[in-house]
Amino acid sequence: MYKWMEFADRVLKGETLTNSEAHEVLDCPDDEILLLMHAAFQVRQKYYGKKVKLNMIMNAKSGLCPENCGYCAQSSISTAPIDSYRMIDKNAMLEGAKRAHDLDIGTYCIVASGRGPSNREVNQVVEAVKEIKDTYGLKICACLGLLKADQAERLKEAGVDRYNHNLNTSERNHENITTSHTYDDRIGTVEKVKKAEMSPCSGVIVGMKETKQDVVNMAGSLKALDADSIPVNFLHAIDGTPLEGVHELDPLYCLKVLALFRFVNPTKEIRVSGGREVNLRSLQPFSLYAANSIFVGDYLTTAGQEDNEDIKMLKDCGFEIETVEEMKESLEQA
């Protein structure tokens, strides 16, 4: 216990774990997992108390993607049976926003497949975002792929608060996952987002045959990138993708990963994201002792828990849900 609390105390003083200490977190003995999560919670509590931020995804465009990302059912090389459709209209985006508002979910995420958006698709999102902001006042996160600088500026002008573009994996492992774009392409989009003064959101997918050093490097890369929000996904291997049948993770290791990300990025929003249901299983509630944000409902091509089950889980653990009104206040103060 003393080691993990020592790590937490040092992080709270502004110190950084060494590479070997980061590995110690990932190699934490299983019978010390509660002690590790207690230490991670001390850092989480300092910056976020018991509040949990809720996020909901709107899959605004599905499939039809030319990229060859090995984890994705929507990629050009996937044979997974999914719904494919072009960008939905403004009314459909507004319906999703109403549902998020009615469930008191603060952040509404508009996600579209593809390498990057066409100007026409940006126009569609811009039109919808303006009305969503006027009608519901939700925090809007867009995730549309690789951006051009002028597209980033237009999204910001329309009221998009945050833009998500995940690094997904380490720089070393990137070519094992996709070759249709580079790691630097991803970094470049996040930098354009920052230049346009949108909040940068960037995260990872753990469980894609990476090493523990890759995981340590991912946490460090996101610290260097200064991402405000860090989604930590755990691979949900989908039949028909190159990573079909890959099941490297267990619930305890997933918790260790989340603890590491909290220690390395103490002040940032850490969101336990896709794959939590199948990888954390019955240990899902423990993830919130390191993370302070979750997705509610379904993901892009995979199902999540029922909305009310997520909310019950949070309340059973004594966590407090950040309301839409609280979210609006934090946006006004930013």
C-alpha atoms as a PDB file:
ATOM      1  CA  MET A   1       0.000   0.000   0.000  1.00  0.00           C
ATOM      2  CA  TYR A   2       2.792   2.422   0.883  1.00  0.00           C
ATOM      3  CA  LYS A   3       4.247   2.271  -2.638  1.00  0.00           C
ATOM      4  CA  TRP A   4       0.969   3.109  -4.378  1.00  0.00           C
ATOM      5  CA  MET A   5       0.144   5.904  -1.939  1.00  0.00           C
ATOM      6  CA  GLU A   6       3.669   7.230  -2.336  1.00  0.00           C
ATOM      7  CA  PHE A   7       3.076   7.337  -6.103  1.00  0.00           C
ATOM      8  CA  ALA A   8      -0.195   9.228  -5.555  1.00  0.00           C
ATOM      9  CA  ASP A   9       1.411  11.697  -3.148  1.00  0.00           C
ATOM     10  CA  ARG A  10       4.241  12.421  -5.580  1.00  0.00           C
ATOM     11  CA  VAL A  11       1.844  12.896  -8.491  1.00  0.00           C
ATOM     12  CA  LEU A  12      -0.207  15.333  -6.403  1.00  0.00           C
ATOM     13  CA  LYS A  13       2.983  17.292  -5.749  1.00  0.00           C
ATOM     14  CA  GLY A  14       3.496  17.636  -9.488  1.00  0.00           C
ATOM     15  CA  GLU A  15       6.099  14.912  -9.905  1.00  0.00           C
ATOM     16  CA  THR A  16       6.159  12.408 -12.781  1.00  0.00           C
ATOM     17  CA  LEU A  17       6.508   8.646 -12.417  1.00  0.00           C
ATOM     18  CA  THR A  18       9.623   7.161 -13.951  1.00  0.00           C
ATOM     19  CA  ASN A  19       9.361   4.612 -16.743  1.00  0.00           C
ATOM     20  CA  SER A  20      10.145   1.759 -14.348  1.00  0.00           C
ATOM     21  CA  GLU A  21       7.516   3.009 -11.868  1.00  0.00           C
ATOM     22  CA  ALA A  22       4.932   3.122 -14.650  1.00  0.00           C
ATOM     23  CA  HIS A  23       5.732  -0.518 -15.356  1.00  0.00           C
ATOM     24  CA  GLU A  24       5.311  -1.291 -11.664  1.00  0.00           C
ATOM     25  CA  VAL A  25       1.745   0.013 -11.885  1.00  0.00           C
ATOM     26  CA  LEU A  26       0.977  -2.269 -14.833  1.00  0.00           C
ATOM     27  CA  ASP A  27       2.652  -5.165 -12.993  1.00  0.00           C
ATOM     28  CA  CYS A  28       0.834  -4.497  -9.702  1.00  0.00           C
ATOM     29  CA  PRO A  29       0.159  -7.833  -7.948  1.00  0.00           C
ATOM     30  CA  ASP A  30      -3.486  -8.767  -8.333  1.00  0.00           C
ATOM     31  CA  ASP A  31      -3.969  -8.994  -4.577  1.00  0.00           C
ATOM     32  CA  GLU A  32      -2.952  -5.319  -4.287  1.00  0.00           C
ATOM     33  CA  ILE A  33      -5.472  -4.035  -6.838  1.00  0.00           C
ATOM     34  CA  LEU A  34      -7.720  -2.413  -4.216  1.00  0.00           C
ATOM     35  CA  LEU A  35      -4.730  -0.591  -2.746  1.00  0.00           C
ATOM     36  CA  LEU A  36      -3.709   0.632  -6.207  1.00  0.00           C
ATOM     37  CA  MET A  37      -7.222   1.869  -7.013  1.00  0.00           C
ATOM     38  CA  HIS A  38      -7.420   3.582  -3.614  1.00  0.00           C
ATOM     39  CA  ALA A  39      -4.223   5.470  -4.475  1.00  0.00           C
ATOM     40  CA  ALA A  40      -5.500   6.373  -7.952  1.00  0.00           C
ATOM     41  CA  PHE A  41      -8.706   7.633  -6.352  1.00  0.00           C
ATOM     42  CA  GLN A  42      -6.768  10.076  -4.197  1.00  0.00           C
ATOM     43  CA  VAL A  43      -5.575  11.779  -7.394  1.00  0.00           C
ATOM     44  CA  ARG A  44      -8.976  11.566  -9.102  1.00  0.00           C
ATOM     45  CA  GLN A  45     -10.725  12.958  -6.012  1.00  0.00           C
ATOM     46  CA  LYS A  46      -8.348  15.922  -5.789  1.00  0.00           C
ATOM     47  CA  TYR A  47      -9.380  17.209  -9.209  1.00  0.00           C
ATOM     48  CA  TYR A  48     -12.884  15.802  -9.723  1.00  0.00           C
ATOM     49  CA  GLY A  49     -14.252  14.806  -6.336  1.00  0.00           C
ATOM     50  CA  LYS A  50     -16.926  12.161  -6.808  1.00  0.00           C
ATOM     51  CA  LYS A  51     -18.339  13.698  -9.977  1.00  0.00           C
ATOM     52  CA  VAL A  52     -18.754  11.591 -13.118  1.00  0.00           C
ATOM     53  CA  LYS A  53     -19.176  13.181 -16.539  1.00  0.00           C
ATOM     54  CA  LEU A  54     -21.640  11.428 -18.852  1.00  0.00           C
ATOM     55  CA  ASN A  55     -21.201  11.253 -22.624  1.00  0.00           C
ATOM     56  CA  MET A  56     -23.457   9.904 -25.372  1.00  0.00           C
ATOM     57  CA  ILE A  57     -22.497   8.979 -28.944  1.00  0.00           C
ATOM     58  CA  MET A  58     -24.533   9.732 -32.052  1.00  0.00           C
ATOM     59  CA  ASN A  59     -23.248   7.562 -34.914  1.00  0.00           C
ATOM     60  CA  ALA A  60     -23.876  10.179 -37.591  1.00  0.00           C
ATOM     61  CA  LYS A  61     -22.272   8.272 -40.466  1.00  0.00           C
ATOM     62  CA  SER A  62     -21.540   4.547 -40.458  1.00  0.00           C
ATOM     63  CA  GLY A  63     -19.274   2.369 -42.582  1.00  0.00           C
ATOM     64  CA  LEU A  64     -18.173   3.443 -46.066  1.00  0.00           C
ATOM     65  CA  CYS A  65     -14.686   4.143 -44.765  1.00  0.00           C
ATOM     66  CA  PRO A  66     -11.597   3.852 -47.020  1.00  0.00           C
ATOM     67  CA  GLU A  67      -9.170   3.415 -44.102  1.00  0.00           C
ATOM     68  CA  ASN A  68      -7.710   0.020 -43.092  1.00  0.00           C
ATOM     69  CA  CYS A  69      -7.746   0.248 -39.280  1.00  0.00           C
ATOM     70  CA  GLY A  70      -7.458  -3.305 -37.982  1.00  0.00           C
ATOM     71  CA  TYR A  71      -9.797  -2.901 -35.003  1.00  0.00           C
ATOM     72  CA  CYS A  72     -12.698  -1.260 -36.831  1.00  0.00           C
ATOM     73  CA  ALA A  73     -15.824  -2.914 -38.221  1.00  0.00           C
ATOM     74  CA  GLN A  74     -16.336   0.119 -40.475  1.00  0.00           C
ATOM     75  CA  SER A  75     -12.989  -0.091 -42.273  1.00  0.00           C
ATOM     76  CA  SER A  76     -12.490  -0.960 -45.932  1.00  0.00           C
ATOM     77  CA  ILE A  77     -10.962  -4.350 -45.024  1.00  0.00           C
ATOM     78  CA  SER A  78     -13.656  -5.419 -42.556  1.00  0.00           C
ATOM     79  CA  THR A  79     -16.220  -8.059 -43.454  1.00  0.00           C
ATOM     80  CA  ALA A  80     -18.264  -7.499 -40.297  1.00  0.00           C
ATOM     81  CA  PRO A  81     -21.982  -7.063 -40.986  1.00  0.00           C
ATOM     82  CA  ILE A  82     -22.821  -3.481 -39.954  1.00  0.00           C
ATOM     83  CA  ASP A  83     -25.297  -0.823 -40.970  1.00  0.00           C
ATOM     84  CA  SER A  84     -23.761   1.543 -43.522  1.00  0.00           C
ATOM     85  CA  TYR A  85     -25.234   4.961 -44.226  1.00  0.00           C
ATOM     86  CA  ARG A  86     -24.182   8.440 -45.219  1.00  0.00           C
ATOM     87  CA  MET A  87     -24.326  11.464 -42.896  1.00  0.00           C
ATOM     88  CA  ILE A  88     -27.679  11.687 -41.143  1.00  0.00           C
ATOM     89  CA  ASP A  89     -29.737  14.859 -41.440  1.00  0.00           C
ATOM     90  CA  LYS A  90     -30.039  17.694 -38.954  1.00  0.00           C
ATOM     91  CA  ASN A  91     -33.330  16.444 -37.510  1.00  0.00           C
ATOM     92  CA  ALA A  92     -31.796  13.081 -36.595  1.00  0.00           C
ATOM     93  CA  MET A  93     -28.881  14.817 -34.873  1.00  0.00           C
ATOM     94  CA  LEU A  94     -31.368  16.994 -32.978  1.00  0.00           C
ATOM     95  CA  GLU A  95     -33.379  13.945 -31.888  1.00  0.00           C
ATOM     96  CA  GLY A  96     -30.228  12.416 -30.424  1.00  0.00           C
ATOM     97  CA  ALA A  97     -29.423  15.674 -28.643  1.00  0.00           C
ATOM     98  CA  LYS A  98     -32.912  15.754 -27.124  1.00  0.00           C
ATOM     99  CA  ARG A  99     -32.438  12.234 -25.803  1.00  0.00           C
ATOM    100  CA  ALA A 100     -29.092  13.187 -24.266  1.00  0.00           C
ATOM    101  CA  HIS A 101     -30.627  16.287 -22.685  1.00  0.00           C
ATOM    102  CA  ASP A 102     -33.600  14.331 -21.302  1.00  0.00           C
ATOM    103  CA  LEU A 103     -31.208  11.837 -19.694  1.00  0.00           C
ATOM    104  CA  ASP A 104     -29.173  14.730 -18.217  1.00  0.00           C
ATOM    105  CA  ILE A 105     -26.094  13.733 -20.215  1.00  0.00           C
ATOM    106  CA  GLY A 106     -23.758  16.708 -20.480  1.00  0.00           C
ATOM    107  CA  THR A 107     -21.676  15.861 -23.560  1.00  0.00           C
ATOM    108  CA  TYR A 108     -23.178  14.880 -26.902  1.00  0.00           C
ATOM    109  CA  CYS A 109     -20.680  13.296 -29.300  1.00  0.00           C
ATOM    110  CA  ILE A 110     -21.322  13.490 -33.052  1.00  0.00           C
ATOM    111  CA  VAL A 111     -19.198  10.774 -34.661  1.00  0.00           C
ATOM    112  CA  ALA A 112     -18.771  10.034 -38.363  1.00  0.00           C
ATOM    113  CA  SER A 113     -16.782   7.321 -40.111  1.00  0.00           C
ATOM    114  CA  GLY A 114     -14.291   8.069 -42.864  1.00  0.00           C
ATOM    115  CA  ARG A 115     -10.791   9.404 -43.361  1.00  0.00           C
ATOM    116  CA  GLY A 116     -12.008  12.944 -42.852  1.00  0.00           C
ATOM    117  CA  PRO A 117     -15.133  15.012 -43.502  1.00  0.00           C
ATOM    118  CA  SER A 118     -16.047  16.601 -46.812  1.00  0.00           C
ATOM    119  CA  ASN A 119     -16.943  20.278 -46.694  1.00  0.00           C
ATOM    120  CA  ARG A 120     -20.563  19.272 -47.276  1.00  0.00           C
ATOM    121  CA  GLU A 121     -20.459  17.017 -44.206  1.00  0.00           C
ATOM    122  CA  VAL A 122     -18.911  19.800 -42.148  1.00  0.00           C
ATOM    123  CA  ASN A 123     -21.765  22.064 -43.295  1.00  0.00           C
ATOM    124  CA  GLN A 124     -24.299  19.484 -42.083  1.00  0.00           C
ATOM    125  CA  VAL A 125     -22.650  19.223 -38.677  1.00  0.00           C
ATOM    126  CA  VAL A 126     -22.300  23.009 -38.376  1.00  0.00           C
ATOM    127  CA  GLU A 127     -25.991  23.532 -39.099  1.00  0.00           C
ATOM    128  CA  ALA A 128     -27.031  20.912 -36.533  1.00  0.00           C
ATOM    129  CA  VAL A 129     -24.605  22.103 -33.835  1.00  0.00           C
ATOM    130  CA  LYS A 130     -25.883  25.680 -33.958  1.00  0.00           C
ATOM    131  CA  GLU A 131     -29.439  24.516 -33.335  1.00  0.00           C
ATOM    132  CA  ILE A 132     -28.426  22.004 -30.647  1.00  0.00           C
ATOM    133  CA  LYS A 133     -26.548  24.713 -28.747  1.00  0.00           C
ATOM    134  CA  ASP A 134     -29.492  27.113 -29.025  1.00  0.00           C
ATOM    135  CA  THR A 135     -32.093  24.522 -28.038  1.00  0.00           C
ATOM    136  CA  TYR A 136     -30.371  22.314 -25.458  1.00  0.00           C
ATOM    137  CA  GLY A 137     -27.088  23.982 -24.506  1.00  0.00           C
ATOM    138  CA  LEU A 138     -25.240  20.668 -24.515  1.00  0.00           C
ATOM    139  CA  LYS A 139     -21.477  20.381 -24.656  1.00  0.00           C
ATOM    140  CA  ILE A 140     -20.711  19.169 -28.186  1.00  0.00           C
ATOM    141  CA  CYS A 141     -17.836  16.875 -29.101  1.00  0.00           C
ATOM    142  CA  ALA A 142     -17.289  16.107 -32.782  1.00  0.00           C
ATOM    143  CA  CYS A 143     -15.296  13.173 -34.128  1.00  0.00           C
ATOM    144  CA  LEU A 144     -15.124  13.317 -37.917  1.00  0.00           C
ATOM    145  CA  GLY A 145     -11.620  12.086 -38.745  1.00  0.00           C
ATOM    146  CA  LEU A 146      -8.619  13.983 -40.071  1.00  0.00           C
ATOM    147  CA  LEU A 147      -9.361  17.709 -40.232  1.00  0.00           C
ATOM    148  CA  LYS A 148      -8.204  20.592 -42.389  1.00  0.00           C
ATOM    149  CA  ALA A 149      -7.406  23.818 -40.539  1.00  0.00           C
ATOM    150  CA  ASP A 150     -10.353  25.735 -42.030  1.00  0.00           C
ATOM    151  CA  GLN A 151     -12.740  22.907 -41.113  1.00  0.00           C
ATOM    152  CA  ALA A 152     -11.541  23.032 -37.508  1.00  0.00           C
ATOM    153  CA  GLU A 153     -12.139  26.782 -37.421  1.00  0.00           C
ATOM    154  CA  ARG A 154     -15.667  26.390 -38.823  1.00  0.00           C
ATOM    155  CA  LEU A 155     -16.575  23.760 -36.249  1.00  0.00           C
ATOM    156  CA  LYS A 156     -15.306  25.998 -33.461  1.00  0.00           C
ATOM    157  CA  GLU A 157     -17.273  28.953 -34.826  1.00  0.00           C
ATOM    158  CA  ALA A 158     -20.461  26.839 -34.903  1.00  0.00           C
ATOM    159  CA  GLY A 159     -20.134  25.985 -31.222  1.00  0.00           C
ATOM    160  CA  VAL A 160     -18.289  22.653 -31.149  1.00  0.00           C
ATOM    161  CA  ASP A 161     -16.613  22.606 -27.736  1.00  0.00           C
ATOM    162  CA  ARG A 162     -14.393  19.561 -28.135  1.00  0.00           C
ATOM    163  CA  TYR A 163     -12.973  17.497 -30.969  1.00  0.00           C
ATOM    164  CA  ASN A 164     -11.972  13.862 -30.576  1.00  0.00           C
ATOM    165  CA  HIS A 165      -9.218  12.248 -32.600  1.00  0.00           C
ATOM    166  CA  ASN A 166      -7.614   9.275 -30.892  1.00  0.00           C
ATOM    167  CA  LEU A 167      -3.974   8.294 -31.204  1.00  0.00           C
ATOM    168  CA  ASN A 168      -5.311   4.738 -30.674  1.00  0.00           C
ATOM    169  CA  THR A 169      -1.935   3.121 -30.110  1.00  0.00           C
ATOM    170  CA  SER A 170       1.741   3.945 -29.669  1.00  0.00           C
ATOM    171  CA  GLU A 171       3.864   5.402 -32.444  1.00  0.00           C
ATOM    172  CA  ARG A 172       5.833   2.126 -32.576  1.00  0.00           C
ATOM    173  CA  ASN A 173       2.712  -0.017 -32.942  1.00  0.00           C
ATOM    174  CA  HIS A 174       0.831   2.264 -35.317  1.00  0.00           C
ATOM    175  CA  GLU A 175       1.818   0.560 -38.581  1.00  0.00           C
ATOM    176  CA  ASN A 176       0.683  -2.789 -37.139  1.00  0.00           C
ATOM    177  CA  ILE A 177      -2.818  -1.339 -36.806  1.00  0.00           C
ATOM    178  CA  THR A 178      -3.195   0.807 -39.927  1.00  0.00           C
ATOM    179  CA  THR A 179      -1.138   1.882 -42.929  1.00  0.00           C
ATOM    180  CA  SER A 180      -3.672   4.149 -44.657  1.00  0.00           C
ATOM    181  CA  HIS A 181      -2.642   7.130 -42.538  1.00  0.00           C
ATOM    182  CA  THR A 182       0.300   7.876 -40.272  1.00  0.00           C
ATOM    183  CA  TYR A 183       0.716   8.491 -36.573  1.00  0.00           C
ATOM    184  CA  ASP A 184       1.805  12.030 -37.454  1.00  0.00           C
ATOM    185  CA  ASP A 185      -1.475  12.528 -39.359  1.00  0.00           C
ATOM    186  CA  ARG A 186      -3.296  11.919 -36.092  1.00  0.00           C
ATOM    187  CA  ILE A 187      -1.030  14.210 -34.101  1.00  0.00           C
ATOM    188  CA  GLY A 188      -1.508  16.860 -36.782  1.00  0.00           C
ATOM    189  CA  THR A 189      -5.294  16.826 -36.441  1.00  0.00           C
ATOM    190  CA  VAL A 190      -5.103  17.229 -32.658  1.00  0.00           C
ATOM    191  CA  GLU A 191      -2.748  20.178 -33.148  1.00  0.00           C
ATOM    192  CA  LYS A 192      -5.205  21.791 -35.605  1.00  0.00           C
ATOM    193  CA  VAL A 193      -7.961  21.340 -33.014  1.00  0.00           C
ATOM    194  CA  LYS A 194      -5.848  23.106 -30.387  1.00  0.00           C
ATOM    195  CA  LYS A 195      -4.994  25.923 -32.800  1.00  0.00           C
ATOM    196  CA  ALA A 196      -8.706  26.445 -33.483  1.00  0.00           C
ATOM    197  CA  GLU A 197      -9.189  26.683 -29.693  1.00  0.00           C
ATOM    198  CA  MET A 198     -11.414  23.643 -29.386  1.00  0.00           C
ATOM    199  CA  SER A 199     -10.747  21.362 -26.440  1.00  0.00           C
ATOM    200  CA  PRO A 200      -8.590  18.437 -27.631  1.00  0.00           C
ATOM    201  CA  CYS A 201      -9.859  14.943 -26.884  1.00  0.00           C
ATOM    202  CA  SER A 202      -7.555  12.035 -27.730  1.00  0.00           C
ATOM    203  CA  GLY A 203      -7.251   8.531 -26.380  1.00  0.00           C
ATOM    204  CA  VAL A 204      -6.240   4.949 -26.972  1.00  0.00           C
ATOM    205  CA  ILE A 205      -7.409   1.404 -27.550  1.00  0.00           C
ATOM    206  CA  VAL A 206      -5.676  -1.083 -25.264  1.00  0.00           C
ATOM    207  CA  GLY A 207      -5.444  -4.762 -26.161  1.00  0.00           C
ATOM    208  CA  MET A 208      -4.211  -4.554 -29.764  1.00  0.00           C
ATOM    209  CA  LYS A 209      -1.108  -6.723 -29.326  1.00  0.00           C
ATOM    210  CA  GLU A 210       0.876  -3.803 -27.914  1.00  0.00           C
ATOM    211  CA  THR A 211       3.559  -4.231 -25.245  1.00  0.00           C
ATOM    212  CA  LYS A 212       3.397  -2.764 -21.766  1.00  0.00           C
ATOM    213  CA  GLN A 213       6.005  -0.249 -22.871  1.00  0.00           C
ATOM    214  CA  ASP A 214       3.606   0.791 -25.628  1.00  0.00           C
ATOM    215  CA  VAL A 215       0.923   1.423 -22.982  1.00  0.00           C
ATOM    216  CA  VAL A 216       3.372   3.510 -20.935  1.00  0.00           C
ATOM    217  CA  ASN A 217       4.316   5.440 -24.084  1.00  0.00           C
ATOM    218  CA  MET A 218       0.654   6.050 -24.961  1.00  0.00           C
ATOM    219  CA  ALA A 219      -0.030   7.583 -21.562  1.00  0.00           C
ATOM    220  CA  GLY A 220       3.075   9.755 -21.916  1.00  0.00           C
ATOM    221  CA  SER A 221       2.242  10.817 -25.479  1.00  0.00           C
ATOM    222  CA  LEU A 222      -1.184  12.054 -24.403  1.00  0.00           C
ATOM    223  CA  LYS A 223       0.434  13.975 -21.561  1.00  0.00           C
ATOM    224  CA  ALA A 224       2.825  15.600 -24.057  1.00  0.00           C
ATOM    225  CA  LEU A 225      -0.092  16.335 -26.412  1.00  0.00           C
ATOM    226  CA  ASP A 226      -1.946  17.978 -23.487  1.00  0.00           C
ATOM    227  CA  ALA A 227      -5.250  16.316 -24.353  1.00  0.00           C
ATOM    228  CA  ASP A 228      -8.019  17.640 -22.082  1.00  0.00           C
ATOM    229  CA  SER A 229     -10.053  14.441 -22.314  1.00  0.00           C
ATOM    230  CA  ILE A 230      -8.581  10.947 -22.682  1.00  0.00           C
ATOM    231  CA  PRO A 231     -10.890   8.077 -23.687  1.00  0.00           C
ATOM    232  CA  VAL A 232      -9.377   4.729 -22.699  1.00  0.00           C
ATOM    233  CA  ASN A 233     -10.948   2.030 -24.863  1.00  0.00           C
ATOM    234  CA  PHE A 234     -10.374  -1.690 -24.380  1.00  0.00           C
ATOM    235  CA  LEU A 235     -10.429  -3.760 -27.556  1.00  0.00           C
ATOM    236  CA  HIS A 236     -13.764  -5.393 -28.252  1.00  0.00           C
ATOM    237  CA  ALA A 237     -12.564  -7.750 -30.982  1.00  0.00           C
ATOM    238  CA  ILE A 238     -15.114  -7.913 -33.790  1.00  0.00           C
ATOM    239  CA  ASP A 239     -15.451 -10.878 -36.116  1.00  0.00           C
ATOM    240  CA  GLY A 240     -14.533  -9.898 -39.647  1.00  0.00           C
ATOM    241  CA  THR A 241     -11.745  -7.498 -38.632  1.00  0.00           C
ATOM    242  CA  PRO A 242      -7.993  -8.295 -38.658  1.00  0.00           C
ATOM    243  CA  LEU A 243      -8.033  -8.332 -34.834  1.00  0.00           C
ATOM    244  CA  GLU A 244     -10.803 -10.925 -34.755  1.00  0.00           C
ATOM    245  CA  GLY A 245     -10.207 -13.383 -31.915  1.00  0.00           C
ATOM    246  CA  VAL A 246      -7.689 -11.187 -30.043  1.00  0.00           C
ATOM    247  CA  HIS A 247      -8.538 -11.341 -26.349  1.00  0.00           C
ATOM    248  CA  GLU A 248      -5.470 -10.260 -24.409  1.00  0.00           C
ATOM    249  CA  LEU A 249      -7.124  -8.371 -21.570  1.00  0.00           C
ATOM    250  CA  ASP A 250      -8.542  -9.278 -18.182  1.00  0.00           C
ATOM    251  CA  PRO A 251     -10.472  -7.016 -15.780  1.00  0.00           C
ATOM    252  CA  LEU A 252      -7.633  -6.525 -13.294  1.00  0.00           C
ATOM    253  CA  TYR A 253      -5.154  -5.476 -15.979  1.00  0.00           C
ATOM    254  CA  CYS A 254      -7.692  -2.977 -17.351  1.00  0.00           C
ATOM    255  CA  LEU A 255      -7.904  -1.394 -13.897  1.00  0.00           C
ATOM    256  CA  LYS A 256      -4.107  -1.143 -13.739  1.00  0.00           C
ATOM    257  CA  VAL A 257      -4.097   0.632 -17.106  1.00  0.00           C
ATOM    258  CA  LEU A 258      -6.665   3.147 -15.862  1.00  0.00           C
ATOM    259  CA  ALA A 259      -4.653   3.755 -12.686  1.00  0.00           C
ATOM    260  CA  LEU A 260      -1.546   4.398 -14.794  1.00  0.00           C
ATOM    261  CA  PHE A 261      -3.377   6.888 -17.019  1.00  0.00           C
ATOM    262  CA  ARG A 262      -4.616   8.721 -13.925  1.00  0.00           C
ATOM    263  CA  PHE A 263      -1.125   8.927 -12.430  1.00  0.00           C
ATOM    264  CA  VAL A 264       0.407  10.124 -15.711  1.00  0.00           C
ATOM    265  CA  ASN A 265      -2.427  12.567 -16.548  1.00  0.00           C
ATOM    266  CA  PRO A 266      -3.664  13.560 -13.087  1.00  0.00           C
ATOM    267  CA  THR A 267      -5.669  16.671 -13.996  1.00  0.00           C
ATOM    268  CA  LYS A 268      -7.288  15.341 -17.167  1.00  0.00           C
ATOM    269  CA  GLU A 269     -10.695  13.833 -17.813  1.00  0.00           C
ATOM    270  CA  ILE A 270     -10.114  10.093 -18.086  1.00  0.00           C
ATOM    271  CA  ARG A 271     -13.047   8.367 -19.764  1.00  0.00           C
ATOM    272  CA  VAL A 272     -13.482   4.612 -19.535  1.00  0.00           C
ATOM    273  CA  SER A 273     -14.862   3.948 -22.986  1.00  0.00           C
ATOM    274  CA  GLY A 274     -15.532   1.258 -25.584  1.00  0.00           C
ATOM    275  CA  GLY A 275     -15.086  -2.341 -24.528  1.00  0.00           C
ATOM    276  CA  ARG A 276     -15.501  -1.708 -20.800  1.00  0.00           C
ATOM    277  CA  GLU A 277     -18.495  -4.009 -20.597  1.00  0.00           C
ATOM    278  CA  VAL A 278     -16.768  -7.026 -22.148  1.00  0.00           C
ATOM    279  CA  ASN A 279     -13.307  -6.467 -20.641  1.00  0.00           C
ATOM    280  CA  LEU A 280     -13.997  -5.102 -17.144  1.00  0.00           C
ATOM    281  CA  ARG A 281     -17.164  -7.151 -16.768  1.00  0.00           C
ATOM    282  CA  SER A 282     -18.204  -7.273 -13.085  1.00  0.00           C
ATOM    283  CA  LEU A 283     -15.347  -4.941 -12.126  1.00  0.00           C
ATOM    284  CA  GLN A 284     -16.717  -2.015 -14.145  1.00  0.00           C
ATOM    285  CA  PRO A 285     -17.606   0.037 -11.035  1.00  0.00           C
ATOM    286  CA  PHE A 286     -13.969  -0.007  -9.877  1.00  0.00           C
ATOM    287  CA  SER A 287     -12.930   1.765 -13.072  1.00  0.00           C
ATOM    288  CA  LEU A 288     -14.468   5.004 -11.767  1.00  0.00           C
ATOM    289  CA  TYR A 289     -11.964   5.134  -8.924  1.00  0.00           C
ATOM    290  CA  ALA A 290      -9.413   6.151 -11.566  1.00  0.00           C
ATOM    291  CA  ALA A 291     -11.598   7.449 -14.411  1.00  0.00           C
ATOM    292  CA  ASN A 292     -14.111  10.267 -13.997  1.00  0.00           C
ATOM    293  CA  SER A 293     -16.112   9.959 -17.197  1.00  0.00           C
ATOM    294  CA  ILE A 294     -18.031   7.274 -19.112  1.00  0.00           C
ATOM    295  CA  PHE A 295     -20.067   6.790 -22.249  1.00  0.00           C
ATOM    296  CA  VAL A 296     -23.725   5.960 -21.613  1.00  0.00           C
ATOM    297  CA  GLY A 297     -25.594   3.767 -24.086  1.00  0.00           C
ATOM    298  CA  ASP A 298     -24.272   2.191 -27.281  1.00  0.00           C
ATOM    299  CA  TYR A 299     -20.987   2.814 -29.075  1.00  0.00           C
ATOM    300  CA  LEU A 300     -20.521   2.927 -32.850  1.00  0.00           C
ATOM    301  CA  THR A 301     -21.052  -0.686 -33.913  1.00  0.00           C
ATOM    302  CA  THR A 302     -21.203  -2.406 -30.509  1.00  0.00           C
ATOM    303  CA  ALA A 303     -23.808  -2.275 -27.758  1.00  0.00           C
ATOM    304  CA  GLY A 304     -23.238  -0.791 -24.318  1.00  0.00           C
ATOM    305  CA  GLN A 305     -25.220  -1.347 -21.146  1.00  0.00           C
ATOM    306  CA  GLU A 306     -28.746  -0.026 -20.763  1.00  0.00           C
ATOM    307  CA  ASP A 307     -28.692   3.650 -19.772  1.00  0.00           C
ATOM    308  CA  ASN A 308     -30.373   3.011 -16.436  1.00  0.00           C
ATOM    309  CA  GLU A 309     -27.872   0.259 -15.562  1.00  0.00           C
ATOM    310  CA  ASP A 310     -24.974   2.676 -16.031  1.00  0.00           C
ATOM    311  CA  ILE A 311     -26.644   5.245 -13.811  1.00  0.00           C
ATOM    312  CA  LYS A 312     -27.485   2.658 -11.155  1.00  0.00           C
ATOM    313  CA  MET A 313     -23.863   1.508 -11.170  1.00  0.00           C
ATOM    314  CA  LEU A 314     -22.618   5.042 -10.545  1.00  0.00           C
ATOM    315  CA  LYS A 315     -25.091   5.751  -7.782  1.00  0.00           C
ATOM    316  CA  ASP A 316     -24.489   2.387  -6.095  1.00  0.00           C
ATOM    317  CA  CYS A 317     -20.815   3.375  -5.757  1.00  0.00           C
ATOM    318  CA  GLY A 318     -21.658   6.756  -4.269  1.00  0.00           C
ATOM    319  CA  PHE A 319     -20.581   8.764  -7.311  1.00  0.00           C
ATOM    320  CA  GLU A 320     -22.392  11.943  -8.325  1.00  0.00           C
ATOM    321  CA  ILE A 321     -23.435  12.582 -11.921  1.00  0.00           C
ATOM    322  CA  GLU A 322     -22.469  15.954 -13.359  1.00  0.00           C
ATOM    323  CA  THR A 323     -25.733  17.514 -14.553  1.00  0.00           C
ATOM    324  CA  VAL A 324     -26.273  19.460 -17.756  1.00  0.00           C
ATOM    325  CA  GLU A 325     -26.548  22.645 -15.694  1.00  0.00           C
ATOM    326  CA  GLU A 326     -23.231  21.971 -13.958  1.00  0.00           C
ATOM    327  CA  MET A 327     -21.667  21.275 -17.322  1.00  0.00           C
ATOM    328  CA  LYS A 328     -22.975  24.600 -18.669  1.00  0.00           C
ATOM    329  CA  GLU A 329     -21.482  26.420 -15.678  1.00  0.00           C
ATOM    330  CA  SER A 330     -18.080  24.808 -16.242  1.00  0.00           C
ATOM    331  CA  LEU A 331     -18.191  25.802 -19.936  1.00  0.00           C
ATOM    332  CA  GLU A 332     -18.968  29.404 -18.997  1.00  0.00           C
ATOM    333  CA  GLN A 333     -16.030  29.466 -16.573  1.00  0.00           C
ATOM    334  CA  ALA A 334     -13.590  27.953 -19.093  1.00  0.00           C
END
